[in-house]
Amino acid sequence: MTEGARMGEAQAAPVLEARGIRREFREGPSTLTVLQEVNLRILPGERLSIVGASGSGKTTLLQILGGLDRPTA
């Protein structure tokens, strides 16, 4: 493999990229942080799955990525 190929010389642009996603919900006087500094980069042809325990923020992340919800930051 050449040096240029290892360095990603012809690497395609990401299909989806998100940086520093944070989502908080107010619950009375307290704040519940569901997502904190989430970074995601998906390149063409990649497949991924989002897994985690119930209540860990999977649906919230997908709603933000799909434009159905707004991140706190």
PDB file of N, CA and C in Angstrom:
ATOM      1  N   MET A   1       0.848  -1.171   0.000  1.00  0.00           N
ATOM      2  CA  MET A   1       0.000   0.000   0.000  1.00  0.00           C
ATOM      3  C   MET A   1       0.896   1.238   0.000  1.00  0.00           C
ATOM      4  N   THR A   2       0.552   2.208  -0.811  1.00  0.00           N
ATOM      5  CA  THR A   2       1.360   3.423  -0.888  1.00  0.00           C
ATOM      6  C   THR A   2       1.056   4.341   0.278  1.00  0.00           C
ATOM      7  N   GLU A   3       1.952   5.274   0.522  1.00  0.00           N
ATOM      8  CA  GLU A   3       1.754   6.249   1.609  1.00  0.00           C
ATOM      9  C   GLU A   3       0.475   7.048   1.393  1.00  0.00           C
ATOM     10  N   GLY A   4       0.207   7.463   0.139  1.00  0.00           N
ATOM     11  CA  GLY A   4      -0.999   8.239  -0.156  1.00  0.00           C
ATOM     12  C   GLY A   4      -2.268   7.471   0.147  1.00  0.00           C
ATOM     13  N   ALA A   5      -2.287   6.164  -0.137  1.00  0.00           N
ATOM     14  CA  ALA A   5      -3.468   5.343   0.124  1.00  0.00           C
ATOM     15  C   ALA A   5      -3.691   5.199   1.626  1.00  0.00           C
ATOM     16  N   ARG A   6      -2.614   5.056   2.382  1.00  0.00           N
ATOM     17  CA  ARG A   6      -2.752   4.944   3.841  1.00  0.00           C
ATOM     18  C   ARG A   6      -3.252   6.242   4.450  1.00  0.00           C
ATOM     19  N   MET A   7      -2.878   7.349   3.898  1.00  0.00           N
ATOM     20  CA  MET A   7      -3.265   8.644   4.441  1.00  0.00           C
ATOM     21  C   MET A   7      -4.668   9.064   4.004  1.00  0.00           C
ATOM     22  N   GLY A   8      -5.356   8.228   3.208  1.00  0.00           N
ATOM     23  CA  GLY A   8      -6.709   8.553   2.796  1.00  0.00           C
ATOM     24  C   GLY A   8      -6.748   9.631   1.729  1.00  0.00           C
ATOM     25  N   GLU A   9      -5.792   9.602   0.821  1.00  0.00           N
ATOM     26  CA  GLU A   9      -5.663  10.629  -0.201  1.00  0.00           C
ATOM     27  C   GLU A   9      -6.952  10.837  -0.990  1.00  0.00           C
ATOM     28  N   ALA A  10      -7.615   9.750  -1.349  1.00  0.00           N
ATOM     29  CA  ALA A  10      -8.835   9.845  -2.154  1.00  0.00           C
ATOM     30  C   ALA A  10     -10.065   9.523  -1.315  1.00  0.00           C
ATOM     31  N   GLN A  11     -10.009   9.769  -0.038  1.00  0.00           N
ATOM     32  CA  GLN A  11     -11.111   9.438   0.858  1.00  0.00           C
ATOM     33  C   GLN A  11     -12.336  10.292   0.534  1.00  0.00           C
ATOM     34  N   ALA A  12     -13.495   9.647   0.480  1.00  0.00           N
ATOM     35  CA  ALA A  12     -14.744  10.334   0.173  1.00  0.00           C
ATOM     36  C   ALA A  12     -15.199  11.179   1.369  1.00  0.00           C
ATOM     37  N   ALA A  13     -15.992  12.161   1.063  1.00  0.00           N
ATOM     38  CA  ALA A  13     -16.562  13.009   2.114  1.00  0.00           C
ATOM     39  C   ALA A  13     -17.574  12.199   2.920  1.00  0.00           C
ATOM     40  N   PRO A  14     -17.739  12.510   4.189  1.00  0.00           N
ATOM     41  CA  PRO A  14     -18.703  11.776   5.007  1.00  0.00           C
ATOM     42  C   PRO A  14     -20.131  11.976   4.498  1.00  0.00           C
ATOM     43  N   VAL A  15     -20.929  10.933   4.638  1.00  0.00           N
ATOM     44  CA  VAL A  15     -22.349  11.008   4.325  1.00  0.00           C
ATOM     45  C   VAL A  15     -23.054  11.767   5.444  1.00  0.00           C
ATOM     46  N   LEU A  16     -22.580  11.548   6.668  1.00  0.00           N
ATOM     47  CA  LEU A  16     -23.154  12.203   7.845  1.00  0.00           C
ATOM     48  C   LEU A  16     -22.031  12.457   8.836  1.00  0.00           C
ATOM     49  N   GLU A  17     -21.997  13.674   9.373  1.00  0.00           N
ATOM     50  CA  GLU A  17     -21.011  14.002  10.397  1.00  0.00           C
ATOM     51  C   GLU A  17     -21.669  14.891  11.436  1.00  0.00           C
ATOM     52  N   ALA A  18     -21.480  14.535  12.690  1.00  0.00           N
ATOM     53  CA  ALA A  18     -22.022  15.317  13.797  1.00  0.00           C
ATOM     54  C   ALA A  18     -20.928  15.450  14.850  1.00  0.00           C
ATOM     55  N   ARG A  19     -20.811  16.634  15.430  1.00  0.00           N
ATOM     56  CA  ARG A  19     -19.761  16.880  16.429  1.00  0.00           C
ATOM     57  C   ARG A  19     -20.336  17.537  17.672  1.00  0.00           C
ATOM     58  N   GLY A  20     -19.949  17.020  18.809  1.00  0.00           N
ATOM     59  CA  GLY A  20     -20.284  17.641  20.083  1.00  0.00           C
ATOM     60  C   GLY A  20     -21.768  17.697  20.410  1.00  0.00           C
ATOM     61  N   ILE A  21     -22.534  16.704  19.986  1.00  0.00           N
ATOM     62  CA  ILE A  21     -23.977  16.725  20.251  1.00  0.00           C
ATOM     63  C   ILE A  21     -24.230  16.558  21.745  1.00  0.00           C
ATOM     64  N   ARG A  22     -25.050  17.435  22.259  1.00  0.00           N
ATOM     65  CA  ARG A  22     -25.441  17.395  23.667  1.00  0.00           C
ATOM     66  C   ARG A  22     -26.943  17.605  23.728  1.00  0.00           C
ATOM     67  N   ARG A  23     -27.634  16.810  24.546  1.00  0.00           N
ATOM     68  CA  ARG A  23     -29.077  16.985  24.713  1.00  0.00           C
ATOM     69  C   ARG A  23     -29.413  16.833  26.185  1.00  0.00           C
ATOM     70  N   GLU A  24     -30.080  17.853  26.692  1.00  0.00           N
ATOM     71  CA  GLU A  24     -30.494  17.869  28.095  1.00  0.00           C
ATOM     72  C   GLU A  24     -31.992  18.082  28.170  1.00  0.00           C
ATOM     73  N   PHE A  25     -32.608  17.524  29.183  1.00  0.00           N
ATOM     74  CA  PHE A  25     -34.034  17.713  29.443  1.00  0.00           C
ATOM     75  C   PHE A  25     -34.195  18.256  30.852  1.00  0.00           C
ATOM     76  N   ARG A  26     -35.097  19.199  31.011  1.00  0.00           N
ATOM     77  CA  ARG A  26     -35.392  19.736  32.342  1.00  0.00           C
ATOM     78  C   ARG A  26     -36.439  18.849  32.998  1.00  0.00           C
ATOM     79  N   GLU A  27     -36.199  18.467  34.229  1.00  0.00           N
ATOM     80  CA  GLU A  27     -37.150  17.702  35.028  1.00  0.00           C
ATOM     81  C   GLU A  27     -37.310  18.419  36.355  1.00  0.00           C
ATOM     82  N   GLY A  28     -38.295  19.320  36.392  1.00  0.00           N
ATOM     83  CA  GLY A  28     -38.476  20.140  37.582  1.00  0.00           C
ATOM     84  C   GLY A  28     -37.259  21.011  37.792  1.00  0.00           C
ATOM     85  N   PRO A  29     -36.689  20.998  38.985  1.00  0.00           N
ATOM     86  CA  PRO A  29     -35.520  21.836  39.256  1.00  0.00           C
ATOM     87  C   PRO A  29     -34.200  21.248  38.746  1.00  0.00           C
ATOM     88  N   SER A  30     -34.215  19.999  38.290  1.00  0.00           N
ATOM     89  CA  SER A  30     -32.966  19.367  37.857  1.00  0.00           C
ATOM     90  C   SER A  30     -32.906  19.225  36.339  1.00  0.00           C
ATOM     91  N   THR A  31     -31.708  18.967  35.854  1.00  0.00           N
ATOM     92  CA  THR A  31     -31.456  18.776  34.427  1.00  0.00           C
ATOM     93  C   THR A  31     -30.924  17.369  34.204  1.00  0.00           C
ATOM     94  N   LEU A  32     -31.521  16.665  33.251  1.00  0.00           N
ATOM     95  CA  LEU A  32     -31.093  15.315  32.904  1.00  0.00           C
ATOM     96  C   LEU A  32     -30.322  15.378  31.587  1.00  0.00           C
ATOM     97  N   THR A  33     -29.042  15.018  31.622  1.00  0.00           N
ATOM     98  CA  THR A  33     -28.216  15.002  30.418  1.00  0.00           C
ATOM     99  C   THR A  33     -28.316  13.622  29.792  1.00  0.00           C
ATOM    100  N   VAL A  34     -28.854  13.576  28.565  1.00  0.00           N
ATOM    101  CA  VAL A  34     -29.044  12.304  27.865  1.00  0.00           C
ATOM    102  C   VAL A  34     -27.884  12.027  26.918  1.00  0.00           C
ATOM    103  N   LEU A  35     -27.446  13.028  26.186  1.00  0.00           N
ATOM    104  CA  LEU A  35     -26.301  12.901  25.281  1.00  0.00           C
ATOM    105  C   LEU A  35     -25.274  13.946  25.663  1.00  0.00           C
ATOM    106  N   GLN A  36     -24.001  13.539  25.723  1.00  0.00           N
ATOM    107  CA  GLN A  36     -22.953  14.471  26.112  1.00  0.00           C
ATOM    108  C   GLN A  36     -21.756  14.313  25.189  1.00  0.00           C
ATOM    109  N   GLU A  37     -21.480  15.352  24.388  1.00  0.00           N
ATOM    110  CA  GLU A  37     -20.327  15.391  23.490  1.00  0.00           C
ATOM    111  C   GLU A  37     -20.252  14.169  22.563  1.00  0.00           C
ATOM    112  N   VAL A  38     -21.347  13.862  21.875  1.00  0.00           N
ATOM    113  CA  VAL A  38     -21.384  12.738  20.937  1.00  0.00           C
ATOM    114  C   VAL A  38     -20.805  13.189  19.598  1.00  0.00           C
ATOM    115  N   ASN A  39     -19.855  12.433  19.086  1.00  0.00           N
ATOM    116  CA  ASN A  39     -19.253  12.675  17.778  1.00  0.00           C
ATOM    117  C   ASN A  39     -19.511  11.458  16.905  1.00  0.00           C
ATOM    118  N   LEU A  40     -19.903  11.710  15.661  1.00  0.00           N
ATOM    119  CA  LEU A  40     -20.232  10.620  14.753  1.00  0.00           C
ATOM    120  C   LEU A  40     -19.847  11.012  13.343  1.00  0.00           C
ATOM    121  N   ARG A  41     -19.206  10.088  12.637  1.00  0.00           N
ATOM    122  CA  ARG A  41     -18.827  10.323  11.242  1.00  0.00           C
ATOM    123  C   ARG A  41     -19.077   9.040  10.475  1.00  0.00           C
ATOM    124  N   ILE A  42     -19.917   9.113   9.456  1.00  0.00           N
ATOM    125  CA  ILE A  42     -20.254   7.948   8.647  1.00  0.00           C
ATOM    126  C   ILE A  42     -19.802   8.217   7.216  1.00  0.00           C
ATOM    127  N   LEU A  43     -18.965   7.326   6.705  1.00  0.00           N
ATOM    128  CA  LEU A  43     -18.447   7.446   5.351  1.00  0.00           C
ATOM    129  C   LEU A  43     -19.295   6.601   4.393  1.00  0.00           C
ATOM    130  N   PRO A  44     -19.268   6.927   3.106  1.00  0.00           N
ATOM    131  CA  PRO A  44     -20.033   6.144   2.128  1.00  0.00           C
ATOM    132  C   PRO A  44     -19.683   4.659   2.211  1.00  0.00           C
ATOM    133  N   GLY A  45     -20.693   3.815   2.181  1.00  0.00           N
ATOM    134  CA  GLY A  45     -20.489   2.375   2.216  1.00  0.00           C
ATOM    135  C   GLY A  45     -20.382   1.787   3.606  1.00  0.00           C
ATOM    136  N   GLU A  46     -20.280   2.605   4.626  1.00  0.00           N
ATOM    137  CA  GLU A  46     -20.190   2.091   5.994  1.00  0.00           C
ATOM    138  C   GLU A  46     -21.569   1.701   6.503  1.00  0.00           C
ATOM    139  N   ARG A  47     -21.575   0.712   7.376  1.00  0.00           N
ATOM    140  CA  ARG A  47     -22.793   0.295   8.068  1.00  0.00           C
ATOM    141  C   ARG A  47     -22.519   0.387   9.558  1.00  0.00           C
ATOM    142  N   LEU A  48     -23.524   0.744  10.311  1.00  0.00           N
ATOM    143  CA  LEU A  48     -23.333   0.816  11.744  1.00  0.00           C
ATOM    144  C   LEU A  48     -24.625   0.486  12.451  1.00  0.00           C
ATOM    145  N   SER A  49     -24.508   0.180  13.692  1.00  0.00           N
ATOM    146  CA  SER A  49     -25.682  -0.022  14.530  1.00  0.00           C
ATOM    147  C   SER A  49     -25.477   0.802  15.797  1.00  0.00           C
ATOM    148  N   ILE A  50     -26.582   1.273  16.318  1.00  0.00           N
ATOM    149  CA  ILE A  50     -26.542   2.047  17.563  1.00  0.00           C
ATOM    150  C   ILE A  50     -27.180   1.172  18.626  1.00  0.00           C
ATOM    151  N   VAL A  51     -26.384   0.771  19.575  1.00  0.00           N
ATOM    152  CA  VAL A  51     -26.856  -0.137  20.617  1.00  0.00           C
ATOM    153  C   VAL A  51     -26.578   0.462  21.986  1.00  0.00           C
ATOM    154  N   GLY A  52     -27.379   0.059  22.939  1.00  0.00           N
ATOM    155  CA  GLY A  52     -27.197   0.522  24.308  1.00  0.00           C
ATOM    156  C   GLY A  52     -28.383   0.125  25.156  1.00  0.00           C
ATOM    157  N   ALA A  53     -28.243   0.313  26.421  1.00  0.00           N
ATOM    158  CA  ALA A  53     -29.305  -0.029  27.357  1.00  0.00           C
ATOM    159  C   ALA A  53     -30.524   0.866  27.156  1.00  0.00           C
ATOM    160  N   SER A  54     -31.643   0.413  27.626  1.00  0.00           N
ATOM    161  CA  SER A  54     -32.863   1.203  27.572  1.00  0.00           C
ATOM    162  C   SER A  54     -32.633   2.524  28.300  1.00  0.00           C
ATOM    163  N   GLY A  55     -33.017   3.621  27.661  1.00  0.00           N
ATOM    164  CA  GLY A  55     -32.865   4.927  28.284  1.00  0.00           C
ATOM    165  C   GLY A  55     -31.497   5.558  28.103  1.00  0.00           C
ATOM    166  N   SER A  56     -30.650   4.978  27.247  1.00  0.00           N
ATOM    167  CA  SER A  56     -29.292   5.507  27.089  1.00  0.00           C
ATOM    168  C   SER A  56     -29.177   6.617  26.047  1.00  0.00           C
ATOM    169  N   GLY A  57     -30.259   6.913  25.313  1.00  0.00           N
ATOM    170  CA  GLY A  57     -30.240   8.036  24.376  1.00  0.00           C
ATOM    171  C   GLY A  57     -30.220   7.665  22.904  1.00  0.00           C
ATOM    172  N   LYS A  58     -30.425   6.392  22.588  1.00  0.00           N
ATOM    173  CA  LYS A  58     -30.385   5.954  21.182  1.00  0.00           C
ATOM    174  C   LYS A  58     -31.435   6.677  20.338  1.00  0.00           C
ATOM    175  N   THR A  59     -32.660   6.674  20.775  1.00  0.00           N
ATOM    176  CA  THR A  59     -33.744   7.314  20.023  1.00  0.00           C
ATOM    177  C   THR A  59     -33.538   8.816  19.963  1.00  0.00           C
ATOM    178  N   THR A  60     -33.102   9.415  21.029  1.00  0.00           N
ATOM    179  CA  THR A  60     -32.831  10.851  21.046  1.00  0.00           C
ATOM    180  C   THR A  60     -31.765  11.202  20.017  1.00  0.00           C
ATOM    181  N   LEU A  61     -30.704  10.415  19.942  1.00  0.00           N
ATOM    182  CA  LEU A  61     -29.649  10.651  18.955  1.00  0.00           C
ATOM    183  C   LEU A  61     -30.208  10.547  17.540  1.00  0.00           C
ATOM    184  N   LEU A  62     -30.968   9.512  17.261  1.00  0.00           N
ATOM    185  CA  LEU A  62     -31.545   9.337  15.919  1.00  0.00           C
ATOM    186  C   LEU A  62     -32.499  10.472  15.564  1.00  0.00           C
ATOM    187  N   GLN A  63     -33.275  10.941  16.521  1.00  0.00           N
ATOM    188  CA  GLN A  63     -34.193  12.057  16.256  1.00  0.00           C
ATOM    189  C   GLN A  63     -33.421  13.339  15.948  1.00  0.00           C
ATOM    190  N   ILE A  64     -32.325  13.570  16.624  1.00  0.00           N
ATOM    191  CA  ILE A  64     -31.495  14.748  16.341  1.00  0.00           C
ATOM    192  C   ILE A  64     -30.855  14.617  14.961  1.00  0.00           C
ATOM    193  N   LEU A  65     -30.287  13.462  14.658  1.00  0.00           N
ATOM    194  CA  LEU A  65     -29.645  13.255  13.360  1.00  0.00           C
ATOM    195  C   LEU A  65     -30.644  13.368  12.212  1.00  0.00           C
ATOM    196  N   GLY A  66     -31.896  12.976  12.467  1.00  0.00           N
ATOM    197  CA  GLY A  66     -32.936  13.044  11.445  1.00  0.00           C
ATOM    198  C   GLY A  66     -33.644  14.388  11.360  1.00  0.00           C
ATOM    199  N   GLY A  67     -33.256  15.326  12.221  1.00  0.00           N
ATOM    200  CA  GLY A  67     -33.855  16.650  12.190  1.00  0.00           C
ATOM    201  C   GLY A  67     -35.201  16.754  12.874  1.00  0.00           C
ATOM    202  N   LEU A  68     -35.574  15.755  13.645  1.00  0.00           N
ATOM    203  CA  LEU A  68     -36.872  15.761  14.347  1.00  0.00           C
ATOM    204  C   LEU A  68     -36.777  16.407  15.729  1.00  0.00           C
ATOM    205  N   ASP A  69     -35.582  16.568  16.227  1.00  0.00           N
ATOM    206  CA  ASP A  69     -35.345  17.191  17.535  1.00  0.00           C
ATOM    207  C   ASP A  69     -34.116  18.069  17.408  1.00  0.00           C
ATOM    208  N   ARG A  70     -33.991  19.016  18.309  1.00  0.00           N
ATOM    209  CA  ARG A  70     -32.829  19.930  18.287  1.00  0.00           C
ATOM    210  C   ARG A  70     -31.928  19.599  19.478  1.00  0.00           C
ATOM    211  N   PRO A  71     -30.636  19.596  19.232  1.00  0.00           N
ATOM    212  CA  PRO A  71     -29.719  19.364  20.353  1.00  0.00           C
ATOM    213  C   PRO A  71     -29.664  20.592  21.256  1.00  0.00           C
ATOM    214  N   THR A  72     -29.289  20.380  22.499  1.00  0.00           N
ATOM    215  CA  THR A  72     -29.058  21.493  23.412  1.00  0.00           C
ATOM    216  C   THR A  72     -27.817  22.248  22.963  1.00  0.00           C
ATOM    217  N   ALA A  73     -26.828  21.501  22.503  1.00  0.00           N
ATOM    218  CA  ALA A  73     -25.591  22.096  21.960  1.00  0.00           C
ATOM    219  C   ALA A  73     -25.045  21.208  20.873  1.00  0.00           C
TER     220      ALA A  73
END
